[in-house]
Amino acid sequence: MGFDYNIDLGDLLVNFRKGKNQNTEGILLQTRINGKQAALDFKNINNWLREAHKILCEIFKHLTEGELYESFK
């Protein structure tokens, strides 16, 4: 199952899949942002990466807040 949203940086994709780690089944969550076409220079790419990372970190924190988030530390 997946969702996609258009945001200022491009398309935000959130996908959920069944996963397995050794013999334990679980849910795999994938988030990513596909950027819009832009001028390819270091400054633009660096700024885009910084902003995309900030957004994806916040999404991860909200989706896993509490005990689950603490287990990743």
PDB file of N, CA and C in Angstrom:
ATOM      1  N   MET A   1       0.858  -1.147   0.000  1.00  0.00           N
ATOM      2  CA  MET A   1       0.000   0.000   0.000  1.00  0.00           C
ATOM      3  C   MET A   1       0.910   1.217   0.000  1.00  0.00           C
ATOM      4  N   GLY A   2       0.537   2.225  -0.753  1.00  0.00           N
ATOM      5  CA  GLY A   2       1.358   3.417  -0.809  1.00  0.00           C
ATOM      6  C   GLY A   2       0.546   4.671  -1.045  1.00  0.00           C
ATOM      7  N   PHE A   3       1.148   5.766  -0.697  1.00  0.00           N
ATOM      8  CA  PHE A   3       0.530   7.072  -0.864  1.00  0.00           C
ATOM      9  C   PHE A   3       1.554   8.013  -1.464  1.00  0.00           C
ATOM     10  N   ASP A   4       1.092   8.966  -2.251  1.00  0.00           N
ATOM     11  CA  ASP A   4       2.017   9.988  -2.743  1.00  0.00           C
ATOM     12  C   ASP A   4       1.349  11.353  -2.628  1.00  0.00           C
ATOM     13  N   TYR A   5       2.184  12.323  -2.291  1.00  0.00           N
ATOM     14  CA  TYR A   5       1.722  13.691  -2.072  1.00  0.00           C
ATOM     15  C   TYR A   5       2.660  14.642  -2.793  1.00  0.00           C
ATOM     16  N   ASN A   6       2.101  15.654  -3.413  1.00  0.00           N
ATOM     17  CA  ASN A   6       2.918  16.681  -4.041  1.00  0.00           C
ATOM     18  C   ASN A   6       3.234  17.733  -2.987  1.00  0.00           C
ATOM     19  N   ILE A   7       4.538  17.970  -2.748  1.00  0.00           N
ATOM     20  CA  ILE A   7       4.985  18.987  -1.804  1.00  0.00           C
ATOM     21  C   ILE A   7       5.924  19.928  -2.539  1.00  0.00           C
ATOM     22  N   ASP A   8       6.358  20.984  -1.885  1.00  0.00           N
ATOM     23  CA  ASP A   8       7.215  21.975  -2.535  1.00  0.00           C
ATOM     24  C   ASP A   8       8.490  21.381  -3.124  1.00  0.00           C
ATOM     25  N   LEU A   9       9.060  20.388  -2.474  1.00  0.00           N
ATOM     26  CA  LEU A   9      10.324  19.801  -2.940  1.00  0.00           C
ATOM     27  C   LEU A   9      10.145  18.787  -4.059  1.00  0.00           C
ATOM     28  N   GLY A  10       8.922  18.327  -4.288  1.00  0.00           N
ATOM     29  CA  GLY A  10       8.676  17.306  -5.307  1.00  0.00           C
ATOM     30  C   GLY A  10       7.541  16.396  -4.873  1.00  0.00           C
ATOM     31  N   ASP A  11       7.685  15.103  -5.128  1.00  0.00           N
ATOM     32  CA  ASP A  11       6.659  14.125  -4.755  1.00  0.00           C
ATOM     33  C   ASP A  11       7.128  13.317  -3.555  1.00  0.00           C
ATOM     34  N   LEU A  12       6.348  13.365  -2.484  1.00  0.00           N
ATOM     35  CA  LEU A  12       6.614  12.586  -1.282  1.00  0.00           C
ATOM     36  C   LEU A  12       5.893  11.258  -1.431  1.00  0.00           C
ATOM     37  N   LEU A  13       6.625  10.153  -1.311  1.00  0.00           N
ATOM     38  CA  LEU A  13       6.048   8.812  -1.415  1.00  0.00           C
ATOM     39  C   LEU A  13       6.195   8.096  -0.080  1.00  0.00           C
ATOM     40  N   VAL A  14       5.109   7.491   0.386  1.00  0.00           N
ATOM     41  CA  VAL A  14       5.088   6.709   1.623  1.00  0.00           C
ATOM     42  C   VAL A  14       4.531   5.336   1.266  1.00  0.00           C
ATOM     43  N   ASN A  15       5.335   4.300   1.449  1.00  0.00           N
ATOM     44  CA  ASN A  15       4.937   2.936   1.090  1.00  0.00           C
ATOM     45  C   ASN A  15       5.028   2.021   2.297  1.00  0.00           C
ATOM     46  N   PHE A  16       4.046   1.129   2.427  1.00  0.00           N
ATOM     47  CA  PHE A  16       4.023   0.107   3.466  1.00  0.00           C
ATOM     48  C   PHE A  16       4.035  -1.254   2.769  1.00  0.00           C
ATOM     49  N   ARG A  17       4.887  -2.151   3.266  1.00  0.00           N
ATOM     50  CA  ARG A  17       4.964  -3.501   2.722  1.00  0.00           C
ATOM     51  C   ARG A  17       5.140  -4.497   3.861  1.00  0.00           C
ATOM     52  N   LYS A  18       4.845  -5.749   3.578  1.00  0.00           N
ATOM     53  CA  LYS A  18       5.145  -6.811   4.539  1.00  0.00           C
ATOM     54  C   LYS A  18       6.640  -7.081   4.466  1.00  0.00           C
ATOM     55  N   GLY A  19       7.234  -7.336   5.613  1.00  0.00           N
ATOM     56  CA  GLY A  19       8.661  -7.623   5.650  1.00  0.00           C
ATOM     57  C   GLY A  19       8.961  -8.759   6.606  1.00  0.00           C
ATOM     58  N   LYS A  20      10.178  -9.261   6.527  1.00  0.00           N
ATOM     59  CA  LYS A  20      10.594 -10.345   7.412  1.00  0.00           C
ATOM     60  C   LYS A  20      12.060 -10.143   7.754  1.00  0.00           C
ATOM     61  N   ASN A  21      12.367 -10.210   9.043  1.00  0.00           N
ATOM     62  CA  ASN A  21      13.741 -10.139   9.527  1.00  0.00           C
ATOM     63  C   ASN A  21      14.021 -11.464  10.215  1.00  0.00           C
ATOM     64  N   GLN A  22      14.832 -12.280   9.599  1.00  0.00           N
ATOM     65  CA  GLN A  22      15.047 -13.657  10.025  1.00  0.00           C
ATOM     66  C   GLN A  22      13.695 -14.360  10.020  1.00  0.00           C
ATOM     67  N   ASN A  23      13.134 -14.736  11.152  1.00  0.00           N
ATOM     68  CA  ASN A  23      11.834 -15.421  11.167  1.00  0.00           C
ATOM     69  C   ASN A  23      10.719 -14.542  11.708  1.00  0.00           C
ATOM     70  N   THR A  24      10.981 -13.263  11.923  1.00  0.00           N
ATOM     71  CA  THR A  24       9.985 -12.359  12.485  1.00  0.00           C
ATOM     72  C   THR A  24       9.367 -11.521  11.377  1.00  0.00           C
ATOM     73  N   GLU A  25       8.042 -11.604  11.246  1.00  0.00           N
ATOM     74  CA  GLU A  25       7.342 -10.804  10.242  1.00  0.00           C
ATOM     75  C   GLU A  25       7.015  -9.429  10.805  1.00  0.00           C
ATOM     76  N   GLY A  26       6.947  -8.452   9.914  1.00  0.00           N
ATOM     77  CA  GLY A  26       6.640  -7.099  10.341  1.00  0.00           C
ATOM     78  C   GLY A  26       6.217  -6.243   9.164  1.00  0.00           C
ATOM     79  N   ILE A  27       6.233  -4.965   9.383  1.00  0.00           N
ATOM     80  CA  ILE A  27       5.853  -3.995   8.358  1.00  0.00           C
ATOM     81  C   ILE A  27       7.088  -3.184   7.978  1.00  0.00           C
ATOM     82  N   LEU A  28       7.305  -3.032   6.690  1.00  0.00           N
ATOM     83  CA  LEU A  28       8.393  -2.219   6.169  1.00  0.00           C
ATOM     84  C   LEU A  28       7.801  -0.889   5.723  1.00  0.00           C
ATOM     85  N   LEU A  29       8.350   0.201   6.211  1.00  0.00           N
ATOM     86  CA  LEU A  29       7.906   1.537   5.849  1.00  0.00           C
ATOM     87  C   LEU A  29       9.007   2.211   5.048  1.00  0.00           C
ATOM     88  N   GLN A  30       8.671   2.721   3.882  1.00  0.00           N
ATOM     89  CA  GLN A  30       9.632   3.429   3.049  1.00  0.00           C
ATOM     90  C   GLN A  30       9.077   4.827   2.773  1.00  0.00           C
ATOM     91  N   THR A  31       9.908   5.833   3.023  1.00  0.00           N
ATOM     92  CA  THR A  31       9.546   7.210   2.668  1.00  0.00           C
ATOM     93  C   THR A  31      10.631   7.746   1.750  1.00  0.00           C
ATOM     94  N   ARG A  32      10.205   8.517   0.767  1.00  0.00           N
ATOM     95  CA  ARG A  32      11.199   9.142  -0.114  1.00  0.00           C
ATOM     96  C   ARG A  32      10.579  10.344  -0.791  1.00  0.00           C
ATOM     97  N   ILE A  33      11.440  11.216  -1.268  1.00  0.00           N
ATOM     98  CA  ILE A  33      10.998  12.386  -2.010  1.00  0.00           C
ATOM     99  C   ILE A  33      11.684  12.358  -3.370  1.00  0.00           C
ATOM    100  N   ASN A  34      10.885  12.369  -4.423  1.00  0.00           N
ATOM    101  CA  ASN A  34      11.406  12.506  -5.779  1.00  0.00           C
ATOM    102  C   ASN A  34      11.372  13.990  -6.111  1.00  0.00           C
ATOM    103  N   GLY A  35      12.534  14.570  -6.335  1.00  0.00           N
ATOM    104  CA  GLY A  35      12.627  16.004  -6.566  1.00  0.00           C
ATOM    105  C   GLY A  35      12.140  16.430  -7.938  1.00  0.00           C
ATOM    106  N   LYS A  36      11.808  17.711  -8.008  1.00  0.00           N
ATOM    107  CA  LYS A  36      11.434  18.314  -9.284  1.00  0.00           C
ATOM    108  C   LYS A  36      12.708  18.607 -10.074  1.00  0.00           C
ATOM    109  N   GLN A  37      12.567  18.734 -11.369  1.00  0.00           N
ATOM    110  CA  GLN A  37      13.728  19.091 -12.175  1.00  0.00           C
ATOM    111  C   GLN A  37      14.172  20.492 -11.805  1.00  0.00           C
ATOM    112  N   ALA A  38      15.483  20.661 -11.671  1.00  0.00           N
ATOM    113  CA  ALA A  38      16.043  21.954 -11.284  1.00  0.00           C
ATOM    114  C   ALA A  38      17.437  22.078 -11.880  1.00  0.00           C
ATOM    115  N   ALA A  39      17.962  23.281 -11.796  1.00  0.00           N
ATOM    116  CA  ALA A  39      19.335  23.504 -12.251  1.00  0.00           C
ATOM    117  C   ALA A  39      20.280  22.657 -11.405  1.00  0.00           C
ATOM    118  N   LEU A  40      21.178  21.947 -12.055  1.00  0.00           N
ATOM    119  CA  LEU A  40      22.085  21.052 -11.345  1.00  0.00           C
ATOM    120  C   LEU A  40      23.366  21.782 -10.972  1.00  0.00           C
ATOM    121  N   ASP A  41      23.355  22.399  -9.827  1.00  0.00           N
ATOM    122  CA  ASP A  41      24.585  22.950  -9.283  1.00  0.00           C
ATOM    123  C   ASP A  41      24.679  22.544  -7.828  1.00  0.00           C
ATOM    124  N   PHE A  42      25.858  22.591  -7.287  1.00  0.00           N
ATOM    125  CA  PHE A  42      26.105  22.082  -5.945  1.00  0.00           C
ATOM    126  C   PHE A  42      25.204  22.739  -4.908  1.00  0.00           C
ATOM    127  N   LYS A  43      25.038  24.041  -4.987  1.00  0.00           N
ATOM    128  CA  LYS A  43      24.239  24.756  -3.986  1.00  0.00           C
ATOM    129  C   LYS A  43      22.785  24.283  -3.997  1.00  0.00           C
ATOM    130  N   ASN A  44      22.174  24.170  -5.188  1.00  0.00           N
ATOM    131  CA  ASN A  44      20.784  23.714  -5.283  1.00  0.00           C
ATOM    132  C   ASN A  44      20.616  22.283  -4.775  1.00  0.00           C
ATOM    133  N   ILE A  45      21.517  21.410  -5.172  1.00  0.00           N
ATOM    134  CA  ILE A  45      21.436  20.010  -4.761  1.00  0.00           C
ATOM    135  C   ILE A  45      21.627  19.892  -3.250  1.00  0.00           C
ATOM    136  N   ASN A  46      22.604  20.592  -2.717  1.00  0.00           N
ATOM    137  CA  ASN A  46      22.878  20.545  -1.283  1.00  0.00           C
ATOM    138  C   ASN A  46      21.689  21.060  -0.471  1.00  0.00           C
ATOM    139  N   ASN A  47      21.096  22.164  -0.892  1.00  0.00           N
ATOM    140  CA  ASN A  47      19.923  22.709  -0.195  1.00  0.00           C
ATOM    141  C   ASN A  47      18.741  21.742  -0.271  1.00  0.00           C
ATOM    142  N   TRP A  48      18.520  21.153  -1.465  1.00  0.00           N
ATOM    143  CA  TRP A  48      17.416  20.220  -1.629  1.00  0.00           C
ATOM    144  C   TRP A  48      17.604  19.002  -0.722  1.00  0.00           C
ATOM    145  N   LEU A  49      18.807  18.449  -0.695  1.00  0.00           N
ATOM    146  CA  LEU A  49      19.084  17.283   0.155  1.00  0.00           C
ATOM    147  C   LEU A  49      18.860  17.605   1.624  1.00  0.00           C
ATOM    148  N   ARG A  50      19.295  18.762   2.057  1.00  0.00           N
ATOM    149  CA  ARG A  50      19.129  19.175   3.448  1.00  0.00           C
ATOM    150  C   ARG A  50      17.643  19.283   3.816  1.00  0.00           C
ATOM    151  N   GLU A  51      16.862  19.931   2.956  1.00  0.00           N
ATOM    152  CA  GLU A  51      15.428  20.106   3.214  1.00  0.00           C
ATOM    153  C   GLU A  51      14.671  18.776   3.151  1.00  0.00           C
ATOM    154  N   ALA A  52      14.999  17.941   2.170  1.00  0.00           N
ATOM    155  CA  ALA A  52      14.341  16.630   2.039  1.00  0.00           C
ATOM    156  C   ALA A  52      14.637  15.769   3.266  1.00  0.00           C
ATOM    157  N   HIS A  53      15.875  15.783   3.723  1.00  0.00           N
ATOM    158  CA  HIS A  53      16.252  15.008   4.900  1.00  0.00           C
ATOM    159  C   HIS A  53      15.493  15.493   6.127  1.00  0.00           C
ATOM    160  N   LYS A  54      15.362  16.797   6.283  1.00  0.00           N
ATOM    161  CA  LYS A  54      14.642  17.358   7.430  1.00  0.00           C
ATOM    162  C   LYS A  54      13.172  16.896   7.423  1.00  0.00           C
ATOM    163  N   ILE A  55      12.533  16.940   6.260  1.00  0.00           N
ATOM    164  CA  ILE A  55      11.133  16.522   6.145  1.00  0.00           C
ATOM    165  C   ILE A  55      10.981  15.034   6.458  1.00  0.00           C
ATOM    166  N   LEU A  56      11.841  14.199   5.879  1.00  0.00           N
ATOM    167  CA  LEU A  56      11.743  12.756   6.091  1.00  0.00           C
ATOM    168  C   LEU A  56      12.040  12.374   7.539  1.00  0.00           C
ATOM    169  N   CYS A  57      12.952  13.088   8.187  1.00  0.00           N
ATOM    170  CA  CYS A  57      13.233  12.836   9.609  1.00  0.00           C
ATOM    171  C   CYS A  57      12.009  13.144  10.460  1.00  0.00           C
ATOM    172  N   GLU A  58      11.342  14.242  10.174  1.00  0.00           N
ATOM    173  CA  GLU A  58      10.152  14.612  10.945  1.00  0.00           C
ATOM    174  C   GLU A  58       9.030  13.595  10.751  1.00  0.00           C
ATOM    175  N   ILE A  59       8.856  13.128   9.525  1.00  0.00           N
ATOM    176  CA  ILE A  59       7.838  12.105   9.265  1.00  0.00           C
ATOM    177  C   ILE A  59       8.151  10.841  10.062  1.00  0.00           C
ATOM    178  N   PHE A  60       9.403  10.406  10.022  1.00  0.00           N
ATOM    179  CA  PHE A  60       9.812   9.210  10.753  1.00  0.00           C
ATOM    180  C   PHE A  60       9.545   9.375  12.245  1.00  0.00           C
ATOM    181  N   LYS A  61       9.906  10.530  12.805  1.00  0.00           N
ATOM    182  CA  LYS A  61       9.705  10.767  14.238  1.00  0.00           C
ATOM    183  C   LYS A  61       8.226  10.712  14.603  1.00  0.00           C
ATOM    184  N   HIS A  62       7.378  11.301  13.770  1.00  0.00           N
ATOM    185  CA  HIS A  62       5.941  11.299  14.067  1.00  0.00           C
ATOM    186  C   HIS A  62       5.332   9.904  13.927  1.00  0.00           C
ATOM    187  N   LEU A  63       5.759   9.144  12.926  1.00  0.00           N
ATOM    188  CA  LEU A  63       5.201   7.812  12.716  1.00  0.00           C
ATOM    189  C   LEU A  63       5.648   6.804  13.769  1.00  0.00           C
ATOM    190  N   THR A  64       6.784   7.068  14.407  1.00  0.00           N
ATOM    191  CA  THR A  64       7.333   6.104  15.364  1.00  0.00           C
ATOM    192  C   THR A  64       7.424   6.661  16.779  1.00  0.00           C
ATOM    193  N   GLU A  65       6.776   7.794  17.040  1.00  0.00           N
ATOM    194  CA  GLU A  65       6.964   8.460  18.335  1.00  0.00           C
ATOM    195  C   GLU A  65       6.644   7.543  19.515  1.00  0.00           C
ATOM    196  N   GLY A  66       7.310   7.831  20.603  1.00  0.00           N
ATOM    197  CA  GLY A  66       7.110   7.043  21.811  1.00  0.00           C
ATOM    198  C   GLY A  66       8.120   5.921  21.928  1.00  0.00           C
ATOM    199  N   GLU A  67       7.644   4.791  22.423  1.00  0.00           N
ATOM    200  CA  GLU A  67       8.507   3.649  22.697  1.00  0.00           C
ATOM    201  C   GLU A  67       9.204   3.120  21.442  1.00  0.00           C
ATOM    202  N   LEU A  68       8.482   3.085  20.319  1.00  0.00           N
ATOM    203  CA  LEU A  68       9.090   2.592  19.088  1.00  0.00           C
ATOM    204  C   LEU A  68      10.259   3.479  18.662  1.00  0.00           C
ATOM    205  N   TYR A  69      10.066   4.799  18.698  1.00  0.00           N
ATOM    206  CA  TYR A  69      11.144   5.729  18.318  1.00  0.00           C
ATOM    207  C   TYR A  69      12.354   5.564  19.256  1.00  0.00           C
ATOM    208  N   GLU A  70      12.091   5.426  20.535  1.00  0.00           N
ATOM    209  CA  GLU A  70      13.180   5.272  21.505  1.00  0.00           C
ATOM    210  C   GLU A  70      13.982   4.007  21.256  1.00  0.00           C
ATOM    211  N   SER A  71      13.351   2.969  20.693  1.00  0.00           N
ATOM    212  CA  SER A  71      14.059   1.714  20.442  1.00  0.00           C
ATOM    213  C   SER A  71      15.113   1.840  19.347  1.00  0.00           C
ATOM    214  N   PHE A  72      15.058   2.914  18.544  1.00  0.00           N
ATOM    215  CA  PHE A  72      16.051   3.126  17.482  1.00  0.00           C
ATOM    216  C   PHE A  72      17.293   3.837  17.973  1.00  0.00           C
ATOM    217  N   LYS A  73      17.275   4.371  19.178  1.00  0.00           N
ATOM    218  CA  LYS A  73      18.420   5.125  19.710  1.00  0.00           C
ATOM    219  C   LYS A  73      19.497   4.204  20.206  1.00  0.00           C
TER     220      LYS A  73
END
